[in-house]
Amino acid sequence: MEKEQVTAAGSKKLTDEEKALKRKKWLKRAGAAGFLFFLIKGLVWIAIALFAWKGCS
């Protein structure tokens, strides 16, 4: 295991592997958020269409 490198400011320097893991985790969150956004958006549009169809008849 590598030693953690610490900069002069006191923050640790991330290795390439740690950066890749952080990026992958962020992309998974963004994907889940995007899926939920479009799912809810689609359901709202279906509800609007049904309301308009029932309201007109």
PDB file of N, CA and C in Angstrom:
ATOM      1  N   MET A   1       0.850  -1.177   0.000  1.00  0.00           N
ATOM      2  CA  MET A   1       0.000   0.000   0.000  1.00  0.00           C
ATOM      3  C   MET A   1       0.896   1.240   0.000  1.00  0.00           C
ATOM      4  N   GLU A   2       0.508   2.221  -0.787  1.00  0.00           N
ATOM      5  CA  GLU A   2       1.285   3.454  -0.883  1.00  0.00           C
ATOM      6  C   GLU A   2       1.036   4.354   0.322  1.00  0.00           C
ATOM      7  N   LYS A   3       2.039   5.136   0.633  1.00  0.00           N
ATOM      8  CA  LYS A   3       1.857   6.133   1.689  1.00  0.00           C
ATOM      9  C   LYS A   3       1.073   7.298   1.131  1.00  0.00           C
ATOM     10  N   GLU A   4       0.269   7.917   1.963  1.00  0.00           N
ATOM     11  CA  GLU A   4      -0.480   9.099   1.528  1.00  0.00           C
ATOM     12  C   GLU A   4       0.479  10.273   1.446  1.00  0.00           C
ATOM     13  N   GLN A   5       0.413  10.999   0.361  1.00  0.00           N
ATOM     14  CA  GLN A   5       1.243  12.170   0.205  1.00  0.00           C
ATOM     15  C   GLN A   5       0.469  13.380   0.700  1.00  0.00           C
ATOM     16  N   VAL A   6       1.121  14.190   1.492  1.00  0.00           N
ATOM     17  CA  VAL A   6       0.467  15.369   2.044  1.00  0.00           C
ATOM     18  C   VAL A   6       1.153  16.606   1.481  1.00  0.00           C
ATOM     19  N   THR A   7       0.357  17.542   0.989  1.00  0.00           N
ATOM     20  CA  THR A   7       0.913  18.781   0.446  1.00  0.00           C
ATOM     21  C   THR A   7       1.192  19.755   1.582  1.00  0.00           C
ATOM     22  N   ALA A   8       1.765  20.885   1.228  1.00  0.00           N
ATOM     23  CA  ALA A   8       2.101  21.896   2.228  1.00  0.00           C
ATOM     24  C   ALA A   8       0.850  22.427   2.917  1.00  0.00           C
ATOM     25  N   ALA A   9      -0.274  22.444   2.224  1.00  0.00           N
ATOM     26  CA  ALA A   9      -1.515  22.952   2.802  1.00  0.00           C
ATOM     27  C   ALA A   9      -2.148  21.935   3.756  1.00  0.00           C
ATOM     28  N   GLY A  10      -1.658  20.699   3.742  1.00  0.00           N
ATOM     29  CA  GLY A  10      -2.177  19.697   4.657  1.00  0.00           C
ATOM     30  C   GLY A  10      -3.197  18.760   4.049  1.00  0.00           C
ATOM     31  N   SER A  11      -3.585  18.969   2.794  1.00  0.00           N
ATOM     32  CA  SER A  11      -4.554  18.079   2.166  1.00  0.00           C
ATOM     33  C   SER A  11      -3.815  16.928   1.493  1.00  0.00           C
ATOM     34  N   LYS A  12      -4.442  15.762   1.484  1.00  0.00           N
ATOM     35  CA  LYS A  12      -3.755  14.620   0.882  1.00  0.00           C
ATOM     36  C   LYS A  12      -3.921  14.640  -0.625  1.00  0.00           C
ATOM     37  N   LYS A  13      -2.909  14.150  -1.303  1.00  0.00           N
ATOM     38  CA  LYS A  13      -2.921  14.089  -2.764  1.00  0.00           C
ATOM     39  C   LYS A  13      -3.541  12.763  -3.169  1.00  0.00           C
ATOM     40  N   LEU A  14      -4.566  12.818  -4.036  1.00  0.00           N
ATOM     41  CA  LEU A  14      -5.266  11.612  -4.454  1.00  0.00           C
ATOM     42  C   LEU A  14      -4.485  10.894  -5.543  1.00  0.00           C
ATOM     43  N   THR A  15      -4.463   9.573  -5.457  1.00  0.00           N
ATOM     44  CA  THR A  15      -3.829   8.785  -6.507  1.00  0.00           C
ATOM     45  C   THR A  15      -4.782   8.684  -7.689  1.00  0.00           C
ATOM     46  N   ASP A  16      -4.276   8.198  -8.819  1.00  0.00           N
ATOM     47  CA  ASP A  16      -5.113   8.055 -10.008  1.00  0.00           C
ATOM     48  C   ASP A  16      -6.266   7.091  -9.752  1.00  0.00           C
ATOM     49  N   GLU A  17      -6.011   6.042  -8.996  1.00  0.00           N
ATOM     50  CA  GLU A  17      -7.056   5.055  -8.695  1.00  0.00           C
ATOM     51  C   GLU A  17      -8.168   5.678  -7.847  1.00  0.00           C
ATOM     52  N   GLU A  18      -7.781   6.478  -6.853  1.00  0.00           N
ATOM     53  CA  GLU A  18      -8.780   7.144  -6.008  1.00  0.00           C
ATOM     54  C   GLU A  18      -9.594   8.144  -6.816  1.00  0.00           C
ATOM     55  N   LYS A  19      -8.936   8.855  -7.737  1.00  0.00           N
ATOM     56  CA  LYS A  19      -9.649   9.804  -8.590  1.00  0.00           C
ATOM     57  C   LYS A  19     -10.654   9.075  -9.464  1.00  0.00           C
ATOM     58  N   ALA A  20     -10.250   7.929 -10.014  1.00  0.00           N
ATOM     59  CA  ALA A  20     -11.154   7.154 -10.868  1.00  0.00           C
ATOM     60  C   ALA A  20     -12.354   6.657 -10.076  1.00  0.00           C
ATOM     61  N   LEU A  21     -12.132   6.219  -8.842  1.00  0.00           N
ATOM     62  CA  LEU A  21     -13.234   5.752  -8.006  1.00  0.00           C
ATOM     63  C   LEU A  21     -14.203   6.884  -7.680  1.00  0.00           C
ATOM     64  N   LYS A  22     -13.651   8.065  -7.374  1.00  0.00           N
ATOM     65  CA  LYS A  22     -14.510   9.210  -7.082  1.00  0.00           C
ATOM     66  C   LYS A  22     -15.332   9.597  -8.305  1.00  0.00           C
ATOM     67  N   ARG A  23     -14.701   9.575  -9.483  1.00  0.00           N
ATOM     68  CA  ARG A  23     -15.397   9.921 -10.722  1.00  0.00           C
ATOM     69  C   ARG A  23     -16.507   8.912 -11.013  1.00  0.00           C
ATOM     70  N   LYS A  24     -16.210   7.632 -10.811  1.00  0.00           N
ATOM     71  CA  LYS A  24     -17.208   6.594 -11.062  1.00  0.00           C
ATOM     72  C   LYS A  24     -18.394   6.739 -10.113  1.00  0.00           C
ATOM     73  N   LYS A  25     -18.114   7.036  -8.851  1.00  0.00           N
ATOM     74  CA  LYS A  25     -19.178   7.222  -7.862  1.00  0.00           C
ATOM     75  C   LYS A  25     -20.042   8.426  -8.230  1.00  0.00           C
ATOM     76  N   TRP A  26     -19.412   9.513  -8.675  1.00  0.00           N
ATOM     77  CA  TRP A  26     -20.145  10.709  -9.058  1.00  0.00           C
ATOM     78  C   TRP A  26     -21.025  10.433 -10.270  1.00  0.00           C
ATOM     79  N   LEU A  27     -20.497   9.695 -11.260  1.00  0.00           N
ATOM     80  CA  LEU A  27     -21.272   9.380 -12.457  1.00  0.00           C
ATOM     81  C   LEU A  27     -22.473   8.507 -12.133  1.00  0.00           C
ATOM     82  N   LYS A  28     -22.320   7.589 -11.184  1.00  0.00           N
ATOM     83  CA  LYS A  28     -23.459   6.760 -10.780  1.00  0.00           C
ATOM     84  C   LYS A  28     -24.551   7.616 -10.161  1.00  0.00           C
ATOM     85  N   ARG A  29     -24.163   8.559  -9.309  1.00  0.00           N
ATOM     86  CA  ARG A  29     -25.144   9.460  -8.690  1.00  0.00           C
ATOM     87  C   ARG A  29     -25.831  10.319  -9.734  1.00  0.00           C
ATOM     88  N   ALA A  30     -25.053  10.850 -10.672  1.00  0.00           N
ATOM     89  CA  ALA A  30     -25.618  11.692 -11.724  1.00  0.00           C
ATOM     90  C   ALA A  30     -26.577  10.883 -12.596  1.00  0.00           C
ATOM     91  N   GLY A  31     -26.217   9.642 -12.876  1.00  0.00           N
ATOM     92  CA  GLY A  31     -27.090   8.784 -13.672  1.00  0.00           C
ATOM     93  C   GLY A  31     -28.399   8.493 -12.968  1.00  0.00           C
ATOM     94  N   ALA A  32     -28.327   8.209 -11.680  1.00  0.00           N
ATOM     95  CA  ALA A  32     -29.543   7.932 -10.904  1.00  0.00           C
ATOM     96  C   ALA A  32     -30.419   9.179 -10.824  1.00  0.00           C
ATOM     97  N   ALA A  33     -29.801  10.332 -10.620  1.00  0.00           N
ATOM     98  CA  ALA A  33     -30.563  11.581 -10.552  1.00  0.00           C
ATOM     99  C   ALA A  33     -31.213  11.882 -11.897  1.00  0.00           C
ATOM    100  N   GLY A  34     -30.502  11.654 -12.987  1.00  0.00           N
ATOM    101  CA  GLY A  34     -31.058  11.880 -14.319  1.00  0.00           C
ATOM    102  C   GLY A  34     -32.223  10.947 -14.604  1.00  0.00           C
ATOM    103  N   PHE A  35     -32.079   9.683 -14.231  1.00  0.00           N
ATOM    104  CA  PHE A  35     -33.157   8.718 -14.425  1.00  0.00           C
ATOM    105  C   PHE A  35     -34.404   9.143 -13.662  1.00  0.00           C
ATOM    106  N   LEU A  36     -34.243   9.513 -12.398  1.00  0.00           N
ATOM    107  CA  LEU A  36     -35.390   9.929 -11.592  1.00  0.00           C
ATOM    108  C   LEU A  36     -36.036  11.195 -12.149  1.00  0.00           C
ATOM    109  N   PHE A  37     -35.221  12.139 -12.598  1.00  0.00           N
ATOM    110  CA  PHE A  37     -35.747  13.384 -13.159  1.00  0.00           C
ATOM    111  C   PHE A  37     -36.646  13.093 -14.354  1.00  0.00           C
ATOM    112  N   PHE A  38     -36.150  12.289 -15.301  1.00  0.00           N
ATOM    113  CA  PHE A  38     -36.927  12.025 -16.502  1.00  0.00           C
ATOM    114  C   PHE A  38     -38.119  11.116 -16.235  1.00  0.00           C
ATOM    115  N   LEU A  39     -38.009  10.232 -15.252  1.00  0.00           N
ATOM    116  CA  LEU A  39     -39.153   9.407 -14.868  1.00  0.00           C
ATOM    117  C   LEU A  39     -40.282  10.282 -14.327  1.00  0.00           C
ATOM    118  N   ILE A  40     -39.947  11.168 -13.409  1.00  0.00           N
ATOM    119  CA  ILE A  40     -40.957  12.049 -12.815  1.00  0.00           C
ATOM    120  C   ILE A  40     -41.528  12.997 -13.876  1.00  0.00           C
ATOM    121  N   LYS A  41     -40.649  13.524 -14.734  1.00  0.00           N
ATOM    122  CA  LYS A  41     -41.105  14.412 -15.805  1.00  0.00           C
ATOM    123  C   LYS A  41     -42.103  13.685 -16.711  1.00  0.00           C
ATOM    124  N   GLY A  42     -41.791  12.458 -17.075  1.00  0.00           N
ATOM    125  CA  GLY A  42     -42.693  11.681 -17.921  1.00  0.00           C
ATOM    126  C   GLY A  42     -44.023  11.416 -17.252  1.00  0.00           C
ATOM    127  N   LEU A  43     -43.988  11.072 -15.978  1.00  0.00           N
ATOM    128  CA  LEU A  43     -45.232  10.824 -15.247  1.00  0.00           C
ATOM    129  C   LEU A  43     -46.087  12.081 -15.137  1.00  0.00           C
ATOM    130  N   VAL A  44     -45.450  13.221 -14.948  1.00  0.00           N
ATOM    131  CA  VAL A  44     -46.193  14.488 -14.891  1.00  0.00           C
ATOM    132  C   VAL A  44     -46.860  14.773 -16.233  1.00  0.00           C
ATOM    133  N   TRP A  45     -46.149  14.559 -17.341  1.00  0.00           N
ATOM    134  CA  TRP A  45     -46.739  14.789 -18.657  1.00  0.00           C
ATOM    135  C   TRP A  45     -47.889  13.829 -18.918  1.00  0.00           C
ATOM    136  N   ILE A  46     -47.787  12.589 -18.481  1.00  0.00           N
ATOM    137  CA  ILE A  46     -48.890  11.642 -18.629  1.00  0.00           C
ATOM    138  C   ILE A  46     -50.098  12.121 -17.825  1.00  0.00           C
ATOM    139  N   ALA A  47     -49.848  12.605 -16.610  1.00  0.00           N
ATOM    140  CA  ALA A  47     -50.939  13.113 -15.774  1.00  0.00           C
ATOM    141  C   ALA A  47     -51.598  14.326 -16.428  1.00  0.00           C
ATOM    142  N   ILE A  48     -50.812  15.211 -17.016  1.00  0.00           N
ATOM    143  CA  ILE A  48     -51.371  16.388 -17.696  1.00  0.00           C
ATOM    144  C   ILE A  48     -52.222  15.953 -18.883  1.00  0.00           C
ATOM    145  N   ALA A  49     -51.720  14.988 -19.659  1.00  0.00           N
ATOM    146  CA  ALA A  49     -52.468  14.505 -20.823  1.00  0.00           C
ATOM    147  C   ALA A  49     -53.781  13.855 -20.401  1.00  0.00           C
ATOM    148  N   LEU A  50     -53.750  13.042 -19.351  1.00  0.00           N
ATOM    149  CA  LEU A  50     -54.964  12.399 -18.870  1.00  0.00           C
ATOM    150  C   LEU A  50     -55.971  13.418 -18.336  1.00  0.00           C
ATOM    151  N   PHE A  51     -55.465  14.425 -17.625  1.00  0.00           N
ATOM    152  CA  PHE A  51     -56.344  15.468 -17.101  1.00  0.00           C
ATOM    153  C   PHE A  51     -57.001  16.240 -18.251  1.00  0.00           C
ATOM    154  N   ALA A  52     -56.222  16.562 -19.274  1.00  0.00           N
ATOM    155  CA  ALA A  52     -56.766  17.291 -20.421  1.00  0.00           C
ATOM    156  C   ALA A  52     -57.785  16.432 -21.161  1.00  0.00           C
ATOM    157  N   TRP A  53     -57.518  15.131 -21.320  1.00  0.00           N
ATOM    158  CA  TRP A  53     -58.418  14.240 -22.036  1.00  0.00           C
ATOM    159  C   TRP A  53     -59.727  14.046 -21.271  1.00  0.00           C
ATOM    160  N   LYS A  54     -59.631  13.855 -19.948  1.00  0.00           N
ATOM    161  CA  LYS A  54     -60.839  13.681 -19.124  1.00  0.00           C
ATOM    162  C   LYS A  54     -61.604  14.994 -18.982  1.00  0.00           C
ATOM    163  N   GLY A  55     -60.868  16.098 -18.934  1.00  0.00           N
ATOM    164  CA  GLY A  55     -61.524  17.389 -18.780  1.00  0.00           C
ATOM    165  C   GLY A  55     -62.279  17.826 -20.015  1.00  0.00           C
ATOM    166  N   CYS A  56     -61.845  17.394 -21.183  1.00  0.00           N
ATOM    167  CA  CYS A  56     -62.483  17.785 -22.449  1.00  0.00           C
ATOM    168  C   CYS A  56     -63.715  16.959 -22.755  1.00  0.00           C
ATOM    169  N   SER A  57     -63.855  15.787 -22.161  1.00  0.00           N
ATOM    170  CA  SER A  57     -65.005  14.941 -22.518  1.00  0.00           C
ATOM    171  C   SER A  57     -66.156  15.069 -21.542  1.00  0.00           C
TER     172      SER A  57
END
